[in-house]
Amino acid sequence: VIGRVARWQGQQRVGVVVDGCPAGLALCEEDIQTYLNRRKPGQSRFTTMRQESDQVEILSGVFEGKTTGTPISLLVRNTDQRSHDYSSIMDIYRPGHADYTFDEKYGFRDYRGGGRSSGRETIGRVAAGAIAAKLLESLGVTVTAYARSIGPVEISMDRFDLEAASENKVCMPDREAAKEAESYLEQMLEDQDSVGGVVECVITGLPAGIGEPVFEKLDARLAHAEMSVGAVKGVEIGDGFEAAKAVGSVNNDDFCRNADGTIGKRTNHSGGILGGMSDGSPIVLRAAFKPTPSISRPQQTVNRAGEEVETVIKGRHDPIIVPRAVVVVETMAAFTAADLMLQNAVAKLDNVRKVYER
């Protein structure tokens, strides 16, 4: 998947090209729009008040409602860009942002917002992942993500209700935790501060053997995909860091024979991955998001001349990224899984024979 951000005629547009999607997949703009609507800004007071319709256009790769096997080009036009909101920070390095590192690498930076280190860039990821999710669905694989924690507030698995995640403003599958998180966010808004959180993602229906044993491990590819999202600072699979505190007799997942005669596991500490390959259990991963670096309270920094200055960041920014990032984590996991499933189709000679033998 190749994501591109391009500007034409002074108006920013976000484009993405998806290559490698098989021909014959039923696909329309609404399939993609459903996912883009989930990351759209302005849906609650806990997200940026920027108003964007984020309407997707399919430019190529689809004919009469089916993919053609050629690259799929998608375009989303920006309608609420305010470059002047960023003019006050053109010569300073904002704390927590990539201003300084871009300057050091390239010798200049585009301070207007919406560039490669902006959350706006995730439009391409979500659009591409929506196509992958449609492909996975046709293969009996589902990918679901939700907010596991926001700041110090974490969901209780005893109260887990996936439907609740679509009913509250923070995407938490726990109504009680959601109310507590919203109250906490109200306090953060009053304090002119921001907060981070954890998004959990579960892939079900993925057959055993997907992934590679060394450099293209399923867990490594998933971690790479999620860590490439700008605000993610950590990824764990299964028990993750908690596994470091466990003993082998507890951490090992005992194999068993399921009622239908298939091989399964009694527990899933591994998060559905063994030796870099799926083991048939649900894939469980979590991505940790840092607090939004753009906050309204004064911060200390330096400018391009090396002078120490105080700055207050203006503009429209999310006090928390997590609710809008849920669909980003989900779609990044989707096209990672889809990519490896397509690769796995030629792992056995018998599979190749099924395609070419008459």
Protein backbone atom coordinates (compact mmCIF):
# COMPACT_ATOMS: atom_id res chain seq x y z
CA VAL A 1 0.00 0.00 0.00
CA ILE A 2 1.40 3.37 -1.00
CA GLY A 3 0.06 6.50 0.66
CA ARG A 4 0.60 9.94 -0.85
CA VAL A 5 -0.28 13.44 0.31
CA ALA A 6 -0.44 15.94 -2.55
CA ARG A 7 -1.45 19.60 -2.95
CA TRP A 8 -2.90 20.93 -6.17
CA GLN A 9 -4.17 24.43 -6.93
CA GLY A 10 -3.55 25.54 -3.35
CA GLN A 11 -6.08 23.12 -1.87
CA GLN A 12 -4.79 20.07 -0.04
CA ARG A 13 -5.99 16.66 -1.11
CA VAL A 14 -5.07 13.26 0.26
CA GLY A 15 -4.59 10.38 -2.14
CA VAL A 16 -3.77 6.72 -1.78
CA VAL A 17 -2.95 3.97 -4.25
CA VAL A 18 -3.72 0.36 -3.31
CA ASP A 19 -1.86 -2.21 -5.38
CA GLY A 20 -2.24 -5.99 -5.33
CA CYS A 21 -5.95 -6.28 -4.65
CA PRO A 22 -7.34 -9.28 -6.60
CA ALA A 23 -9.88 -8.71 -9.36
CA GLY A 24 -13.53 -9.49 -8.74
CA LEU A 25 -13.98 -8.02 -5.25
CA ALA A 26 -17.26 -6.14 -4.98
CA LEU A 27 -16.31 -2.58 -4.01
CA CYS A 28 -17.97 0.83 -4.03
CA GLU A 29 -17.22 4.21 -2.47
CA GLU A 30 -19.68 3.57 0.37
CA ASP A 31 -17.62 0.56 1.50
CA ILE A 32 -14.71 2.92 2.07
CA GLN A 33 -16.75 5.88 3.29
CA THR A 34 -18.12 3.87 6.21
CA TYR A 35 -14.59 3.59 7.60
CA LEU A 36 -13.61 7.19 6.83
CA ASN A 37 -16.67 8.43 8.70
CA ARG A 38 -15.35 6.76 11.85
CA ARG A 39 -12.13 8.82 11.80
CA LYS A 40 -13.78 12.05 10.65
CA PRO A 41 -13.09 15.11 12.85
CA GLY A 42 -15.74 17.17 14.61
CA GLN A 43 -17.85 14.28 15.92
CA SER A 44 -17.66 15.28 19.59
CA ARG A 45 -16.11 17.95 21.80
CA PHE A 46 -13.28 15.51 22.49
CA THR A 47 -12.02 15.76 18.89
CA THR A 48 -10.83 18.65 16.75
CA MET A 49 -13.61 20.97 15.62
CA ARG A 50 -12.22 20.95 12.09
CA GLN A 51 -15.16 20.21 9.76
CA GLU A 52 -14.28 17.82 6.94
CA SER A 53 -16.72 15.68 4.96
CA ASP A 54 -13.86 13.32 4.01
CA GLN A 55 -15.77 12.10 0.95
CA VAL A 56 -13.78 9.50 -0.96
CA GLU A 57 -13.61 9.25 -4.75
CA ILE A 58 -12.51 6.08 -6.55
CA LEU A 59 -10.43 7.18 -9.54
CA SER A 60 -9.30 3.83 -10.92
CA GLY A 61 -9.18 0.09 -10.33
CA VAL A 62 -12.94 -0.49 -10.07
CA PHE A 63 -15.33 -1.15 -12.97
CA GLU A 64 -19.04 -1.92 -12.72
CA GLY A 65 -18.76 -2.42 -8.98
CA LYS A 66 -15.87 -4.90 -9.05
CA THR A 67 -12.12 -4.50 -8.64
CA THR A 68 -10.20 -4.98 -11.89
CA GLY A 69 -6.89 -6.22 -10.48
CA THR A 70 -5.15 -2.96 -11.42
CA PRO A 71 -4.06 -0.35 -8.83
CA ILE A 72 -6.97 1.30 -7.02
CA SER A 73 -6.55 5.08 -6.77
CA LEU A 74 -8.54 6.97 -4.15
CA LEU A 75 -8.85 10.69 -3.45
CA VAL A 76 -10.21 12.70 -0.52
CA ARG A 77 -10.45 16.48 -0.87
CA ASN A 78 -9.90 18.80 2.09
CA THR A 79 -12.55 21.47 2.54
CA ASP A 80 -11.63 23.14 5.85
CA GLN A 81 -7.92 23.88 5.62
CA ARG A 82 -6.70 26.92 7.56
CA SER A 83 -2.99 27.33 6.94
CA HIS A 84 -2.98 30.68 8.77
CA ASP A 85 -3.66 28.83 12.04
CA TYR A 86 -0.05 27.64 11.86
CA SER A 87 1.70 30.91 10.93
CA SER A 88 2.58 31.65 14.56
CA ILE A 89 4.68 28.49 14.86
CA MET A 90 6.53 28.69 11.53
CA ASP A 91 9.85 29.47 13.24
CA ILE A 92 9.53 27.52 16.49
CA TYR A 93 9.86 23.86 17.39
CA ARG A 94 6.66 22.66 19.06
CA PRO A 95 7.25 20.29 22.01
CA GLY A 96 6.22 16.73 21.16
CA HIS A 97 6.09 17.42 17.41
CA ALA A 98 8.38 16.49 14.53
CA ASP A 99 9.28 20.11 13.65
CA TYR A 100 12.90 19.83 14.81
CA THR A 101 13.58 16.41 13.29
CA PHE A 102 12.09 17.41 9.91
CA ASP A 103 14.26 20.53 9.92
CA GLU A 104 17.37 18.51 10.72
CA LYS A 105 16.64 15.89 8.06
CA TYR A 106 15.43 18.06 5.17
CA GLY A 107 16.60 21.57 6.02
CA PHE A 108 13.03 22.87 5.92
CA ARG A 109 9.55 21.93 7.07
CA ASP A 110 6.00 22.55 5.95
CA TYR A 111 4.46 24.16 9.04
CA ARG A 112 0.91 24.47 7.64
CA GLY A 113 -0.44 21.17 8.98
CA GLY A 114 -1.75 18.20 7.07
CA GLY A 115 1.68 16.94 6.02
CA ARG A 116 3.46 13.64 6.47
CA SER A 117 3.63 13.90 10.27
CA SER A 118 0.02 15.07 10.61
CA GLY A 119 -2.90 12.93 11.71
CA ARG A 120 -4.56 13.96 8.45
CA GLU A 121 -2.21 11.52 6.74
CA THR A 122 -4.14 8.59 8.23
CA ILE A 123 -6.97 9.12 5.73
CA GLY A 124 -4.96 7.12 3.18
CA ARG A 125 -4.37 4.33 5.67
CA VAL A 126 -8.04 4.05 6.57
CA ALA A 127 -9.18 4.14 2.94
CA ALA A 128 -6.69 1.41 1.98
CA GLY A 129 -7.54 -0.66 5.03
CA ALA A 130 -11.25 -0.48 4.23
CA ILE A 131 -10.55 -2.31 0.96
CA ALA A 132 -8.46 -4.88 2.81
CA ALA A 133 -11.22 -5.36 5.37
CA LYS A 134 -13.71 -6.01 2.55
CA LEU A 135 -11.34 -8.61 1.09
CA LEU A 136 -10.87 -10.25 4.50
CA GLU A 137 -14.62 -10.33 5.07
CA SER A 138 -15.03 -12.31 1.85
CA LEU A 139 -12.57 -14.82 3.31
CA GLY A 140 -14.33 -15.11 6.67
CA VAL A 141 -11.90 -12.89 8.58
CA THR A 142 -13.03 -9.96 10.73
CA VAL A 143 -10.99 -7.16 12.32
CA THR A 144 -12.41 -5.22 15.27
CA ALA A 145 -10.83 -2.46 17.34
CA TYR A 146 -11.96 -0.38 20.31
CA ALA A 147 -10.52 1.83 23.04
CA ARG A 148 -9.25 -0.32 25.89
CA SER A 149 -8.13 2.60 28.05
CA ILE A 150 -8.15 6.39 28.06
CA GLY A 151 -5.71 7.96 30.47
CA PRO A 152 -6.10 6.06 33.76
CA VAL A 153 -9.57 4.71 32.84
CA GLU A 154 -9.62 1.10 31.57
CA ILE A 155 -12.50 -1.10 30.50
CA SER A 156 -13.56 -4.12 32.56
CA MET A 157 -13.85 -7.37 30.61
CA ASP A 158 -16.68 -8.33 32.98
CA ARG A 159 -18.69 -5.44 31.49
CA PHE A 160 -17.47 -5.90 27.91
CA ASP A 161 -20.13 -5.02 25.33
CA LEU A 162 -18.88 -4.34 21.81
CA GLU A 163 -22.11 -2.57 20.84
CA ALA A 164 -21.44 0.04 23.52
CA ALA A 165 -18.29 1.13 21.68
CA SER A 166 -20.39 2.53 18.83
CA GLU A 167 -22.78 4.26 21.22
CA ASN A 168 -20.39 6.46 23.22
CA LYS A 169 -17.99 9.25 22.27
CA VAL A 170 -14.83 7.42 23.35
CA CYS A 171 -15.32 4.06 21.56
CA MET A 172 -15.12 2.02 24.76
CA PRO A 173 -17.00 -1.33 24.92
CA ASP A 174 -17.88 -0.68 28.56
CA ARG A 175 -20.62 1.88 29.29
CA GLU A 176 -19.49 2.53 32.86
CA ALA A 177 -15.84 3.07 31.86
CA ALA A 178 -16.96 5.29 28.97
CA LYS A 179 -18.81 7.64 31.34
CA GLU A 180 -15.78 7.78 33.62
CA ALA A 181 -13.48 8.47 30.66
CA GLU A 182 -15.72 11.26 29.34
CA SER A 183 -15.72 12.89 32.77
CA TYR A 184 -11.93 12.64 32.87
CA LEU A 185 -11.65 14.22 29.41
CA GLU A 186 -13.88 17.11 30.47
CA GLN A 187 -11.35 17.81 33.22
CA MET A 188 -8.49 17.67 30.71
CA LEU A 189 -10.29 20.20 28.50
CA GLU A 190 -10.71 22.50 31.48
CA ASP A 191 -7.02 22.10 32.30
CA GLN A 192 -6.08 22.82 28.64
CA ASP A 193 -4.24 19.52 28.56
CA SER A 194 -4.39 16.27 26.58
CA VAL A 195 -4.35 12.55 27.30
CA GLY A 196 -3.32 9.28 25.66
CA GLY A 197 -4.72 5.78 25.72
CA VAL A 198 -4.62 2.22 24.38
CA VAL A 199 -6.49 0.77 21.40
CA GLU A 200 -7.05 -2.98 21.36
CA CYS A 201 -7.61 -4.85 18.09
CA VAL A 202 -8.82 -8.43 17.57
CA ILE A 203 -8.58 -10.40 14.31
CA THR A 204 -10.83 -13.45 14.18
CA GLY A 205 -11.11 -16.17 11.55
CA LEU A 206 -7.48 -15.97 10.44
CA PRO A 207 -6.38 -19.53 9.62
CA ALA A 208 -3.24 -21.02 11.12
CA GLY A 209 0.03 -20.56 9.25
CA ILE A 210 -0.33 -16.95 8.09
CA GLY A 211 2.95 -15.04 8.37
CA GLU A 212 6.60 -15.93 7.90
CA PRO A 213 8.98 -17.57 10.39
CA VAL A 214 11.78 -14.95 10.32
CA PHE A 215 11.79 -11.44 8.85
CA GLU A 216 8.14 -11.20 7.83
CA LYS A 217 6.66 -12.54 11.07
CA LEU A 218 2.97 -11.77 11.49
CA ASP A 219 3.58 -10.07 14.83
CA ALA A 220 6.54 -8.11 13.42
CA ARG A 221 4.48 -6.92 10.44
CA LEU A 222 1.58 -5.92 12.67
CA ALA A 223 3.91 -4.06 15.03
CA HIS A 224 5.57 -2.33 12.07
CA ALA A 225 2.20 -1.27 10.67
CA GLU A 226 0.87 0.08 13.96
CA MET A 227 4.14 1.75 14.99
CA SER A 228 4.15 3.61 11.68
CA VAL A 229 1.09 5.54 12.91
CA GLY A 230 2.37 8.90 14.13
CA ALA A 231 1.20 8.92 17.77
CA VAL A 232 1.80 5.23 18.58
CA LYS A 233 4.62 4.68 21.10
CA GLY A 234 4.23 0.98 21.81
CA VAL A 235 2.64 -2.23 20.51
CA GLU A 236 2.09 -5.54 22.28
CA ILE A 237 0.72 -8.90 21.16
CA GLY A 238 -1.29 -11.15 23.47
CA ASP A 239 -0.12 -10.77 27.05
CA GLY A 240 2.64 -8.47 25.78
CA PHE A 241 4.80 -7.03 28.54
CA GLU A 242 2.85 -8.95 31.16
CA ALA A 243 4.39 -12.14 29.73
CA ALA A 244 7.73 -10.98 31.11
CA LYS A 245 6.35 -11.42 34.63
CA ALA A 246 4.90 -14.87 33.99
CA VAL A 247 6.38 -18.36 34.21
CA GLY A 248 6.43 -20.81 31.34
CA SER A 249 3.90 -23.17 32.87
CA VAL A 250 1.39 -20.32 32.91
CA ASN A 251 2.36 -18.46 29.75
CA ASN A 252 2.31 -21.56 27.52
CA ASP A 253 -1.04 -22.18 25.83
CA ASP A 254 -2.04 -25.87 26.09
CA PHE A 255 -3.25 -27.33 22.79
CA CYS A 256 -6.49 -29.26 22.70
CA ARG A 257 -8.95 -30.83 20.27
CA ASN A 258 -12.03 -28.73 19.64
CA ALA A 259 -15.54 -30.19 19.50
CA ASP A 260 -15.44 -30.05 15.69
CA GLY A 261 -12.22 -32.06 15.61
CA THR A 262 -9.91 -29.14 14.82
CA ILE A 263 -6.86 -28.26 16.90
CA GLY A 264 -7.25 -25.35 19.31
CA LYS A 265 -5.80 -23.86 22.50
CA ARG A 266 -7.21 -23.69 26.01
CA THR A 267 -5.82 -20.17 26.55
CA ASN A 268 -4.46 -17.41 24.32
CA HIS A 269 -1.53 -15.80 26.10
CA SER A 270 0.33 -15.79 22.76
CA GLY A 271 -2.25 -13.49 21.20
CA GLY A 272 -2.84 -15.94 18.37
CA ILE A 273 0.75 -15.96 17.05
CA LEU A 274 3.45 -18.62 17.49
CA GLY A 275 6.80 -18.54 15.69
CA GLY A 276 5.73 -15.52 13.66
CA MET A 277 2.68 -17.32 12.25
CA SER A 278 -1.00 -17.34 13.20
CA ASP A 279 -2.04 -20.35 15.28
CA GLY A 280 -5.77 -20.22 14.51
CA SER A 281 -6.74 -18.37 17.70
CA PRO A 282 -7.91 -14.73 17.66
CA ILE A 283 -5.05 -12.30 17.04
CA VAL A 284 -4.97 -9.80 19.91
CA LEU A 285 -2.84 -6.66 19.69
CA ARG A 286 -2.75 -3.35 21.51
CA ALA A 287 -1.34 0.02 20.43
CA ALA A 288 -0.43 2.69 22.97
CA PHE A 289 -1.04 6.30 21.91
CA LYS A 290 0.72 9.26 23.47
CA PRO A 291 -1.21 12.39 24.53
CA THR A 292 -1.87 14.88 21.74
CA PRO A 293 1.21 17.16 21.68
CA SER A 294 -0.79 20.24 20.64
CA ILE A 295 -2.11 21.72 23.90
CA SER A 296 -3.37 25.20 24.68
CA ARG A 297 -1.33 25.86 27.80
CA PRO A 298 2.05 27.71 27.56
CA GLN A 299 5.10 25.53 26.84
CA GLN A 300 8.81 26.20 26.74
CA THR A 301 10.76 25.59 23.53
CA VAL A 302 13.34 27.11 21.17
CA ASN A 303 13.05 28.73 17.75
CA ARG A 304 15.08 28.05 14.61
CA ALA A 305 17.67 30.58 15.78
CA GLY A 306 18.23 28.54 18.94
CA GLU A 307 16.61 31.11 21.25
CA GLU A 308 14.52 29.88 24.17
CA VAL A 309 10.91 31.06 23.84
CA GLU A 310 7.46 30.38 25.21
CA THR A 311 4.72 29.19 22.90
CA VAL A 312 0.98 28.64 23.01
CA ILE A 313 -0.31 26.43 20.20
CA LYS A 314 -3.44 27.73 18.54
CA GLY A 315 -5.77 26.06 16.06
CA ARG A 316 -8.13 23.08 16.16
CA HIS A 317 -6.61 20.00 17.75
CA ASP A 318 -7.83 16.77 19.35
CA PRO A 319 -7.53 16.75 23.17
CA ILE A 320 -7.30 12.98 22.70
CA ILE A 321 -6.42 10.96 19.62
CA VAL A 322 -7.71 7.56 20.72
CA PRO A 323 -11.41 7.67 19.65
CA ARG A 324 -10.53 8.62 16.06
CA ALA A 325 -7.48 6.35 16.06
CA VAL A 326 -9.51 3.19 16.73
CA VAL A 327 -10.38 2.79 13.04
CA VAL A 328 -6.76 3.57 12.07
CA VAL A 329 -5.47 0.68 14.20
CA GLU A 330 -8.20 -1.56 12.81
CA THR A 331 -7.48 -0.81 9.16
CA MET A 332 -3.70 -1.03 9.55
CA ALA A 333 -4.19 -4.51 11.00
CA ALA A 334 -6.60 -5.35 8.17
CA PHE A 335 -4.29 -4.67 5.27
CA THR A 336 -1.37 -6.30 7.06
CA ALA A 337 -3.41 -9.49 7.50
CA ALA A 338 -4.76 -9.32 3.94
CA ASP A 339 -1.28 -8.83 2.49
CA LEU A 340 0.11 -11.86 4.33
CA MET A 341 -2.91 -14.00 3.43
CA LEU A 342 -2.33 -13.28 -0.25
CA GLN A 343 1.36 -14.13 0.12
CA ASN A 344 0.46 -17.36 1.90
CA ALA A 345 -1.64 -18.51 -1.05
CA VAL A 346 1.53 -19.70 -2.81
CA ALA A 347 3.26 -21.19 0.26
CA LYS A 348 2.25 -24.73 -0.79
CA LEU A 349 2.62 -26.30 -4.22
CA ASP A 350 -0.78 -27.93 -3.82
CA ASN A 351 -2.36 -24.47 -3.64
CA VAL A 352 -0.66 -23.42 -6.87
CA ARG A 353 -1.81 -26.63 -8.58
CA LYS A 354 -5.41 -25.93 -7.60
CA VAL A 355 -5.22 -22.65 -9.53
CA TYR A 356 -3.48 -23.89 -12.67
CA GLU A 357 -4.42 -27.53 -13.07
CA ARG A 358 -7.38 -28.23 -15.33
